N, C-alpha and C. Protein backbone atom coordinates (compact mmCIF):
# COMPACT_ATOMS: atom_id res chain seq x y z
N MET A 1 51.80 52.19 -64.46
CA MET A 1 52.89 52.19 -63.55
C MET A 1 53.00 53.56 -62.90
N THR A 2 53.26 53.54 -61.57
CA THR A 2 53.32 54.78 -60.81
C THR A 2 54.77 55.17 -60.58
N ALA A 3 55.04 56.43 -60.75
CA ALA A 3 56.39 56.93 -60.52
C ALA A 3 56.49 57.42 -59.08
N HIS A 4 57.54 57.07 -58.38
CA HIS A 4 57.78 57.53 -57.00
C HIS A 4 58.86 58.59 -57.03
N HIS A 5 58.61 59.61 -56.27
CA HIS A 5 59.59 60.71 -56.19
C HIS A 5 60.15 60.75 -54.78
N VAL A 6 61.45 60.77 -54.64
CA VAL A 6 62.11 60.86 -53.35
C VAL A 6 62.81 62.21 -53.29
N SER A 7 62.48 62.97 -52.26
CA SER A 7 63.08 64.29 -52.10
C SER A 7 64.50 64.16 -51.58
N PRO A 8 65.46 64.90 -52.11
CA PRO A 8 66.84 64.83 -51.63
C PRO A 8 67.04 65.58 -50.30
N ALA A 9 66.11 66.47 -49.91
CA ALA A 9 66.24 67.25 -48.68
C ALA A 9 65.62 66.50 -47.51
N LEU A 10 66.25 66.65 -46.33
CA LEU A 10 65.70 66.03 -45.14
C LEU A 10 64.52 66.83 -44.62
N ILE A 11 63.61 66.17 -43.99
CA ILE A 11 62.46 66.83 -43.40
C ILE A 11 62.91 67.42 -42.05
N VAL A 12 62.52 68.64 -41.79
CA VAL A 12 62.89 69.32 -40.55
C VAL A 12 62.14 68.68 -39.39
N ALA A 13 62.86 68.34 -38.33
CA ALA A 13 62.24 67.73 -37.16
C ALA A 13 61.39 68.74 -36.42
N ARG A 14 60.23 68.28 -35.96
CA ARG A 14 59.33 69.13 -35.18
C ARG A 14 59.12 68.50 -33.81
N THR A 15 58.85 69.34 -32.83
CA THR A 15 58.58 68.80 -31.50
C THR A 15 57.18 68.19 -31.48
N ALA A 16 57.02 67.21 -30.62
CA ALA A 16 55.73 66.55 -30.50
C ALA A 16 54.72 67.51 -29.90
N PRO A 17 53.49 67.48 -30.37
CA PRO A 17 52.48 68.37 -29.81
C PRO A 17 52.16 67.98 -28.37
N VAL A 18 52.06 68.97 -27.53
CA VAL A 18 51.75 68.74 -26.13
C VAL A 18 50.50 69.53 -25.80
N ALA A 19 49.51 68.83 -25.29
CA ALA A 19 48.28 69.51 -24.89
C ALA A 19 48.55 70.24 -23.58
N PRO A 20 48.29 71.53 -23.53
CA PRO A 20 48.54 72.26 -22.29
C PRO A 20 47.60 71.76 -21.18
N MET A 21 48.19 71.49 -20.00
CA MET A 21 47.40 71.00 -18.88
C MET A 21 47.82 71.78 -17.65
N SER A 22 46.85 72.24 -16.90
CA SER A 22 47.16 73.01 -15.70
C SER A 22 47.75 72.09 -14.63
N ALA A 23 48.40 72.71 -13.66
CA ALA A 23 49.00 71.94 -12.57
C ALA A 23 47.92 71.21 -11.77
N ALA A 24 46.79 71.85 -11.58
CA ALA A 24 45.69 71.22 -10.84
C ALA A 24 45.18 69.98 -11.58
N ALA A 25 45.10 70.05 -12.90
CA ALA A 25 44.64 68.90 -13.68
C ALA A 25 45.65 67.77 -13.62
N ARG A 26 46.94 68.08 -13.68
CA ARG A 26 47.96 67.04 -13.56
C ARG A 26 47.93 66.40 -12.18
N TRP A 27 47.76 67.22 -11.14
CA TRP A 27 47.69 66.73 -9.77
C TRP A 27 46.48 65.82 -9.61
N ARG A 28 45.33 66.24 -10.13
CA ARG A 28 44.10 65.45 -10.04
C ARG A 28 44.26 64.12 -10.78
N ARG A 29 44.89 64.15 -11.94
CA ARG A 29 45.09 62.93 -12.72
C ARG A 29 46.05 61.97 -12.01
N ALA A 30 47.06 62.50 -11.31
CA ALA A 30 48.03 61.66 -10.63
C ALA A 30 47.48 61.04 -9.34
N TRP A 31 46.73 61.82 -8.56
CA TRP A 31 46.28 61.36 -7.25
C TRP A 31 44.87 60.79 -7.22
N PHE A 32 44.04 61.14 -8.18
CA PHE A 32 42.65 60.69 -8.17
C PHE A 32 42.22 60.11 -9.52
N PRO A 33 42.97 59.15 -10.07
CA PRO A 33 42.61 58.62 -11.40
C PRO A 33 41.39 57.71 -11.37
N THR A 34 41.19 56.98 -10.28
CA THR A 34 40.05 56.07 -10.16
C THR A 34 39.40 56.27 -8.79
N PRO A 35 38.18 55.79 -8.60
CA PRO A 35 37.55 55.93 -7.28
C PRO A 35 38.36 55.26 -6.16
N ALA A 36 38.95 54.09 -6.43
CA ALA A 36 39.73 53.41 -5.40
C ALA A 36 40.98 54.22 -5.05
N MET A 37 41.68 54.73 -6.05
CA MET A 37 42.87 55.55 -5.79
C MET A 37 42.49 56.86 -5.11
N SER A 38 41.32 57.40 -5.42
CA SER A 38 40.85 58.62 -4.77
C SER A 38 40.64 58.37 -3.28
N ALA A 39 40.00 57.23 -2.94
CA ALA A 39 39.77 56.91 -1.53
C ALA A 39 41.10 56.69 -0.81
N LEU A 40 42.03 55.99 -1.44
CA LEU A 40 43.34 55.76 -0.84
C LEU A 40 44.10 57.08 -0.66
N SER A 41 44.06 57.94 -1.66
CA SER A 41 44.74 59.24 -1.56
C SER A 41 44.16 60.08 -0.44
N LEU A 42 42.85 60.11 -0.31
CA LEU A 42 42.22 60.89 0.76
C LEU A 42 42.53 60.29 2.13
N ALA A 43 42.54 58.96 2.23
CA ALA A 43 42.86 58.31 3.51
C ALA A 43 44.30 58.64 3.91
N LEU A 44 45.23 58.57 2.96
CA LEU A 44 46.62 58.92 3.26
C LEU A 44 46.77 60.39 3.63
N LEU A 45 46.04 61.25 2.97
CA LEU A 45 46.08 62.68 3.30
C LEU A 45 45.62 62.91 4.72
N VAL A 46 44.53 62.25 5.13
CA VAL A 46 44.03 62.39 6.49
C VAL A 46 45.04 61.82 7.48
N LEU A 47 45.61 60.66 7.17
CA LEU A 47 46.62 60.04 8.04
C LEU A 47 47.83 60.95 8.22
N PHE A 48 48.33 61.51 7.12
CA PHE A 48 49.48 62.42 7.21
C PHE A 48 49.14 63.70 7.96
N ALA A 49 47.95 64.23 7.77
CA ALA A 49 47.56 65.45 8.47
C ALA A 49 47.46 65.21 9.97
N VAL A 50 46.83 64.11 10.38
CA VAL A 50 46.70 63.80 11.81
C VAL A 50 48.07 63.51 12.41
N SER A 51 48.87 62.70 11.72
CA SER A 51 50.22 62.38 12.22
C SER A 51 51.08 63.64 12.30
N GLY A 52 51.00 64.48 11.29
CA GLY A 52 51.78 65.71 11.29
C GLY A 52 51.38 66.64 12.42
N TRP A 53 50.09 66.74 12.68
CA TRP A 53 49.62 67.60 13.77
C TRP A 53 50.09 67.04 15.12
N ASN A 54 49.97 65.72 15.30
CA ASN A 54 50.43 65.11 16.56
C ASN A 54 51.93 65.31 16.75
N LEU A 55 52.71 65.16 15.69
CA LEU A 55 54.15 65.39 15.77
C LEU A 55 54.44 66.85 16.12
N PHE A 56 53.73 67.78 15.51
CA PHE A 56 53.92 69.20 15.79
C PHE A 56 53.60 69.50 17.26
N GLU A 57 52.50 68.95 17.77
CA GLU A 57 52.15 69.18 19.18
C GLU A 57 53.22 68.62 20.11
N TRP A 58 53.71 67.40 19.81
CA TRP A 58 54.73 66.78 20.66
C TRP A 58 56.06 67.52 20.57
N ALA A 59 56.49 67.89 19.34
CA ALA A 59 57.82 68.46 19.13
C ALA A 59 57.91 69.94 19.46
N VAL A 60 56.81 70.67 19.35
CA VAL A 60 56.88 72.13 19.52
C VAL A 60 55.97 72.63 20.64
N VAL A 61 54.68 72.33 20.54
CA VAL A 61 53.71 72.92 21.46
C VAL A 61 53.93 72.44 22.89
N ASN A 62 54.02 71.13 23.10
CA ASN A 62 54.15 70.58 24.46
C ASN A 62 55.60 70.30 24.86
N ALA A 63 56.55 70.75 24.10
CA ALA A 63 57.95 70.46 24.35
C ALA A 63 58.50 71.26 25.52
N HIS A 64 59.54 70.70 26.14
CA HIS A 64 60.26 71.38 27.22
C HIS A 64 61.55 71.91 26.61
N TRP A 65 61.77 73.23 26.75
CA TRP A 65 62.89 73.88 26.09
C TRP A 65 63.99 74.31 27.05
N ARG A 66 63.68 74.49 28.33
CA ARG A 66 64.67 75.04 29.27
C ARG A 66 65.17 73.97 30.22
N GLY A 67 66.44 74.08 30.59
CA GLY A 67 67.06 73.15 31.52
C GLY A 67 68.41 72.71 31.00
N THR A 68 69.13 71.96 31.84
CA THR A 68 70.46 71.51 31.44
C THR A 68 70.56 70.00 31.35
N SER A 69 69.50 69.29 31.71
CA SER A 69 69.54 67.84 31.63
C SER A 69 68.13 67.31 31.38
N SER A 70 68.03 66.00 31.27
CA SER A 70 66.72 65.40 31.03
C SER A 70 65.83 65.50 32.26
N ALA A 71 66.39 65.82 33.42
CA ALA A 71 65.59 66.01 34.63
C ALA A 71 64.69 67.24 34.51
N ALA A 72 64.98 68.13 33.59
CA ALA A 72 64.16 69.32 33.39
C ALA A 72 62.85 68.99 32.69
N CYS A 73 62.69 67.75 32.26
CA CYS A 73 61.47 67.32 31.56
C CYS A 73 60.70 66.38 32.46
N PRO A 74 59.73 66.88 33.24
CA PRO A 74 59.06 66.05 34.23
C PRO A 74 58.07 65.04 33.67
N ASP A 75 57.58 65.25 32.47
CA ASP A 75 56.56 64.34 31.93
C ASP A 75 56.91 63.90 30.52
N ASP A 76 56.12 62.99 30.00
CA ASP A 76 56.36 62.47 28.65
C ASP A 76 55.39 63.06 27.63
N ILE A 77 54.78 64.19 27.94
CA ILE A 77 53.80 64.78 27.03
C ILE A 77 54.47 65.33 25.78
N GLY A 78 55.63 65.95 25.94
CA GLY A 78 56.31 66.57 24.80
C GLY A 78 57.77 66.20 24.73
N ALA A 79 58.40 66.66 23.68
CA ALA A 79 59.82 66.39 23.47
C ALA A 79 60.65 67.11 24.52
N CYS A 80 61.78 66.53 24.85
CA CYS A 80 62.69 67.12 25.82
C CYS A 80 63.84 67.78 25.06
N TRP A 81 63.64 69.02 24.64
CA TRP A 81 64.66 69.75 23.90
C TRP A 81 65.65 70.44 24.83
N ALA A 82 65.36 70.46 26.15
CA ALA A 82 66.26 71.12 27.10
C ALA A 82 67.65 70.50 27.04
N PHE A 83 67.71 69.19 27.00
CA PHE A 83 68.99 68.50 26.94
C PHE A 83 69.69 68.80 25.63
N VAL A 84 68.95 68.82 24.54
CA VAL A 84 69.54 69.10 23.23
C VAL A 84 70.09 70.53 23.18
N VAL A 85 69.32 71.48 23.69
CA VAL A 85 69.76 72.88 23.70
C VAL A 85 71.01 73.03 24.56
N ALA A 86 71.07 72.32 25.68
CA ALA A 86 72.24 72.43 26.57
C ALA A 86 73.47 71.74 25.98
N ARG A 87 73.29 70.72 25.15
CA ARG A 87 74.41 69.93 24.65
C ARG A 87 74.65 70.07 23.15
N TRP A 88 74.20 71.13 22.52
CA TRP A 88 74.31 71.26 21.06
C TRP A 88 75.76 71.28 20.59
N LYS A 89 76.64 71.96 21.31
CA LYS A 89 78.02 72.10 20.84
C LYS A 89 78.76 70.76 20.78
N PRO A 90 78.74 69.93 21.81
CA PRO A 90 79.44 68.65 21.68
C PRO A 90 78.86 67.76 20.57
N TRP A 91 77.57 67.81 20.36
CA TRP A 91 76.97 66.98 19.31
C TRP A 91 77.34 67.48 17.92
N LEU A 92 77.44 68.79 17.77
CA LEU A 92 77.65 69.35 16.44
C LEU A 92 79.13 69.44 16.07
N VAL A 93 79.96 69.90 16.99
CA VAL A 93 81.37 70.12 16.65
C VAL A 93 82.34 69.39 17.58
N GLY A 94 81.83 68.55 18.46
CA GLY A 94 82.70 67.79 19.34
C GLY A 94 83.42 68.71 20.32
N ASN A 95 84.68 68.40 20.61
CA ASN A 95 85.45 69.22 21.56
C ASN A 95 86.35 70.22 20.83
N TYR A 96 85.87 70.73 19.70
CA TYR A 96 86.63 71.72 18.95
C TYR A 96 86.81 72.96 19.82
N PRO A 97 87.98 73.58 19.81
CA PRO A 97 88.24 74.74 20.68
C PRO A 97 87.25 75.89 20.42
N ALA A 98 86.76 76.47 21.51
CA ALA A 98 85.75 77.53 21.40
C ALA A 98 86.27 78.73 20.60
N GLY A 99 87.53 79.06 20.74
CA GLY A 99 88.10 80.20 20.02
C GLY A 99 88.25 79.95 18.52
N GLU A 100 88.18 78.70 18.12
CA GLU A 100 88.34 78.35 16.71
C GLU A 100 87.04 77.89 16.06
N LEU A 101 85.91 78.09 16.72
CA LEU A 101 84.62 77.64 16.17
C LEU A 101 84.28 78.29 14.84
N TRP A 102 84.85 79.45 14.56
CA TRP A 102 84.57 80.10 13.28
C TRP A 102 84.99 79.19 12.13
N ARG A 103 85.99 78.36 12.35
CA ARG A 103 86.44 77.43 11.30
C ARG A 103 85.36 76.40 10.99
N ALA A 104 84.76 75.84 12.03
CA ALA A 104 83.70 74.85 11.83
C ALA A 104 82.50 75.49 11.14
N TRP A 105 82.11 76.69 11.56
CA TRP A 105 80.95 77.35 10.94
C TRP A 105 81.24 77.71 9.49
N THR A 106 82.47 78.11 9.20
CA THR A 106 82.85 78.40 7.81
C THR A 106 82.77 77.13 6.96
N CYS A 107 83.19 76.01 7.53
CA CYS A 107 83.09 74.73 6.79
C CYS A 107 81.64 74.36 6.53
N PHE A 108 80.79 74.50 7.54
CA PHE A 108 79.36 74.23 7.34
C PHE A 108 78.79 75.11 6.23
N GLY A 109 79.13 76.39 6.27
CA GLY A 109 78.63 77.31 5.26
C GLY A 109 79.14 76.99 3.87
N ALA A 110 80.44 76.69 3.75
CA ALA A 110 81.01 76.34 2.44
C ALA A 110 80.38 75.07 1.88
N PHE A 111 80.17 74.09 2.76
CA PHE A 111 79.53 72.85 2.33
C PHE A 111 78.11 73.12 1.85
N ALA A 112 77.35 73.94 2.58
CA ALA A 112 75.98 74.26 2.18
C ALA A 112 75.95 75.03 0.86
N LEU A 113 76.86 75.98 0.69
CA LEU A 113 76.92 76.73 -0.57
C LEU A 113 77.28 75.82 -1.74
N PHE A 114 78.23 74.91 -1.53
CA PHE A 114 78.61 73.99 -2.59
C PHE A 114 77.44 73.12 -3.02
N TRP A 115 76.75 72.55 -2.05
CA TRP A 115 75.62 71.68 -2.40
C TRP A 115 74.48 72.46 -3.03
N THR A 116 74.25 73.69 -2.58
CA THR A 116 73.24 74.53 -3.23
C THR A 116 73.61 74.77 -4.68
N TRP A 117 74.87 75.06 -4.94
CA TRP A 117 75.33 75.27 -6.32
C TRP A 117 75.19 74.00 -7.14
N VAL A 118 75.56 72.85 -6.57
CA VAL A 118 75.47 71.58 -7.31
C VAL A 118 74.02 71.30 -7.69
N VAL A 119 73.10 71.49 -6.78
CA VAL A 119 71.70 71.17 -7.04
C VAL A 119 71.07 72.17 -8.00
N ARG A 120 71.43 73.44 -7.92
CA ARG A 120 70.77 74.47 -8.71
C ARG A 120 71.48 74.82 -10.02
N ARG A 121 72.61 74.21 -10.29
CA ARG A 121 73.35 74.55 -11.52
C ARG A 121 72.57 74.07 -12.74
N SER A 122 72.91 74.61 -13.87
CA SER A 122 72.28 74.22 -15.13
C SER A 122 72.63 72.77 -15.45
N ARG A 123 71.68 72.02 -15.89
CA ARG A 123 71.91 70.62 -16.24
C ARG A 123 72.81 70.50 -17.48
N ALA A 124 72.88 71.54 -18.26
CA ALA A 124 73.73 71.52 -19.45
C ALA A 124 75.19 71.83 -19.10
N ALA A 125 75.43 72.29 -17.87
CA ALA A 125 76.79 72.65 -17.46
C ALA A 125 77.66 71.40 -17.36
N SER A 126 78.93 71.60 -17.55
CA SER A 126 79.89 70.51 -17.49
C SER A 126 80.00 69.96 -16.07
N LEU A 127 80.23 68.67 -15.96
CA LEU A 127 80.40 68.04 -14.65
C LEU A 127 81.82 68.19 -14.11
N GLN A 128 82.73 68.74 -14.91
CA GLN A 128 84.12 68.86 -14.48
C GLN A 128 84.25 69.72 -13.23
N ARG A 129 83.50 70.82 -13.17
CA ARG A 129 83.59 71.69 -11.99
C ARG A 129 83.01 71.01 -10.76
N VAL A 130 81.94 70.25 -10.94
CA VAL A 130 81.36 69.53 -9.81
C VAL A 130 82.35 68.49 -9.29
N LEU A 131 82.94 67.73 -10.19
CA LEU A 131 83.92 66.72 -9.79
C LEU A 131 85.14 67.36 -9.14
N LEU A 132 85.57 68.49 -9.67
CA LEU A 132 86.68 69.22 -9.07
C LEU A 132 86.31 69.66 -7.65
N GLY A 133 85.06 70.11 -7.49
CA GLY A 133 84.60 70.50 -6.16
C GLY A 133 84.57 69.34 -5.19
N PHE A 134 84.18 68.16 -5.67
CA PHE A 134 84.17 66.98 -4.81
C PHE A 134 85.58 66.59 -4.37
N VAL A 135 86.57 66.94 -5.15
CA VAL A 135 87.95 66.64 -4.79
C VAL A 135 88.55 67.75 -3.93
N LEU A 136 88.36 69.00 -4.36
CA LEU A 136 89.02 70.12 -3.67
C LEU A 136 88.32 70.55 -2.38
N LEU A 137 86.99 70.46 -2.33
CA LEU A 137 86.28 70.94 -1.15
C LEU A 137 86.68 70.16 0.11
N PRO A 138 86.71 68.84 0.11
CA PRO A 138 87.16 68.14 1.33
C PRO A 138 88.58 68.50 1.74
N VAL A 139 89.46 68.68 0.78
CA VAL A 139 90.84 69.06 1.10
C VAL A 139 90.86 70.44 1.74
N ALA A 140 90.14 71.38 1.14
CA ALA A 140 90.11 72.75 1.67
C ALA A 140 89.47 72.79 3.06
N LEU A 141 88.39 72.04 3.26
CA LEU A 141 87.73 72.04 4.56
C LEU A 141 88.63 71.39 5.62
N CYS A 142 89.31 70.34 5.25
CA CYS A 142 90.24 69.69 6.19
C CYS A 142 91.36 70.66 6.57
N MET A 143 91.92 71.35 5.60
CA MET A 143 92.98 72.31 5.89
C MET A 143 92.46 73.44 6.79
N LEU A 144 91.22 73.88 6.55
CA LEU A 144 90.65 74.92 7.39
C LEU A 144 90.43 74.42 8.81
N LEU A 145 89.95 73.20 8.96
CA LEU A 145 89.68 72.67 10.29
C LEU A 145 90.94 72.40 11.10
N ILE A 146 92.00 71.97 10.44
CA ILE A 146 93.24 71.71 11.19
C ILE A 146 94.11 72.96 11.30
N GLY A 147 93.68 74.05 10.73
CA GLY A 147 94.39 75.31 10.89
C GLY A 147 95.44 75.55 9.84
N GLY A 148 95.31 74.96 8.68
CA GLY A 148 96.25 75.18 7.61
C GLY A 148 97.60 74.54 7.85
N GLY A 149 97.65 73.53 8.71
CA GLY A 149 98.90 72.83 8.95
C GLY A 149 99.67 73.34 10.15
N ARG A 150 99.20 74.40 10.81
CA ARG A 150 99.89 74.93 11.99
C ARG A 150 99.58 74.06 13.20
N CYS A 151 100.48 74.01 14.14
CA CYS A 151 100.25 73.31 15.40
C CYS A 151 99.52 74.25 16.35
N HIS A 152 98.54 73.73 17.04
CA HIS A 152 97.79 74.51 18.02
C HIS A 152 98.06 73.91 19.39
N SER A 153 98.24 74.77 20.37
CA SER A 153 98.54 74.28 21.71
C SER A 153 97.36 73.53 22.30
N SER A 154 96.16 73.81 21.84
CA SER A 154 94.99 73.14 22.39
C SER A 154 94.76 71.76 21.75
N ARG A 155 95.52 71.41 20.74
CA ARG A 155 95.36 70.12 20.05
C ARG A 155 96.42 69.15 20.54
N PRO A 156 96.11 67.87 20.65
CA PRO A 156 97.13 66.90 21.07
C PRO A 156 98.20 66.72 20.01
N ARG A 157 99.35 66.26 20.46
CA ARG A 157 100.47 66.05 19.53
C ARG A 157 100.58 64.57 19.21
N CYS A 158 100.94 64.26 17.97
CA CYS A 158 101.22 62.89 17.54
C CYS A 158 102.69 62.84 17.17
N GLY A 159 103.55 62.57 18.10
CA GLY A 159 104.98 62.57 17.81
C GLY A 159 105.43 63.98 17.47
N ALA A 160 106.09 64.13 16.32
CA ALA A 160 106.57 65.45 15.88
C ALA A 160 105.53 66.19 15.07
N ASP A 161 104.45 65.49 14.65
CA ASP A 161 103.43 66.12 13.80
C ASP A 161 102.25 66.57 14.63
N CYS A 162 101.50 67.50 14.06
CA CYS A 162 100.26 67.94 14.71
C CYS A 162 99.14 66.99 14.31
N CYS A 163 98.17 66.80 15.19
CA CYS A 163 97.00 65.98 14.86
C CYS A 163 95.88 66.86 14.41
């Protein structure tokens, strides 16, 4: 008869062994695992390179940048950025008063900083601050855009309240 011995102490957990693999080896394994996948990956790479170059030529190299309307773009060879450059303000901030544009730019900057912080924060960090930001940031930006509740002569009136 065999005697079995059971240890009263728990075994210390160890991490699983990981074979070190270079980034190039991981990339090669992901994109070129078989001859068929290699051919498909190379075909897609060529397609994306040609499409990307054509887009770059159309959007930047052959584009029309100067003018105030689409009439400044006589041909269809490149993008017509003249109209976009002339009309950027109405598209981006609407008819917001020119003297108060700093408010809109501050909102854009605060929003960009908040999202940068959300994306780059530690994954171990609590979500309470993120959720608080999702609640407080829109309120703060709205207050900044409407001027903190003050009435502005350049803004329309809604009865006795400011819009």
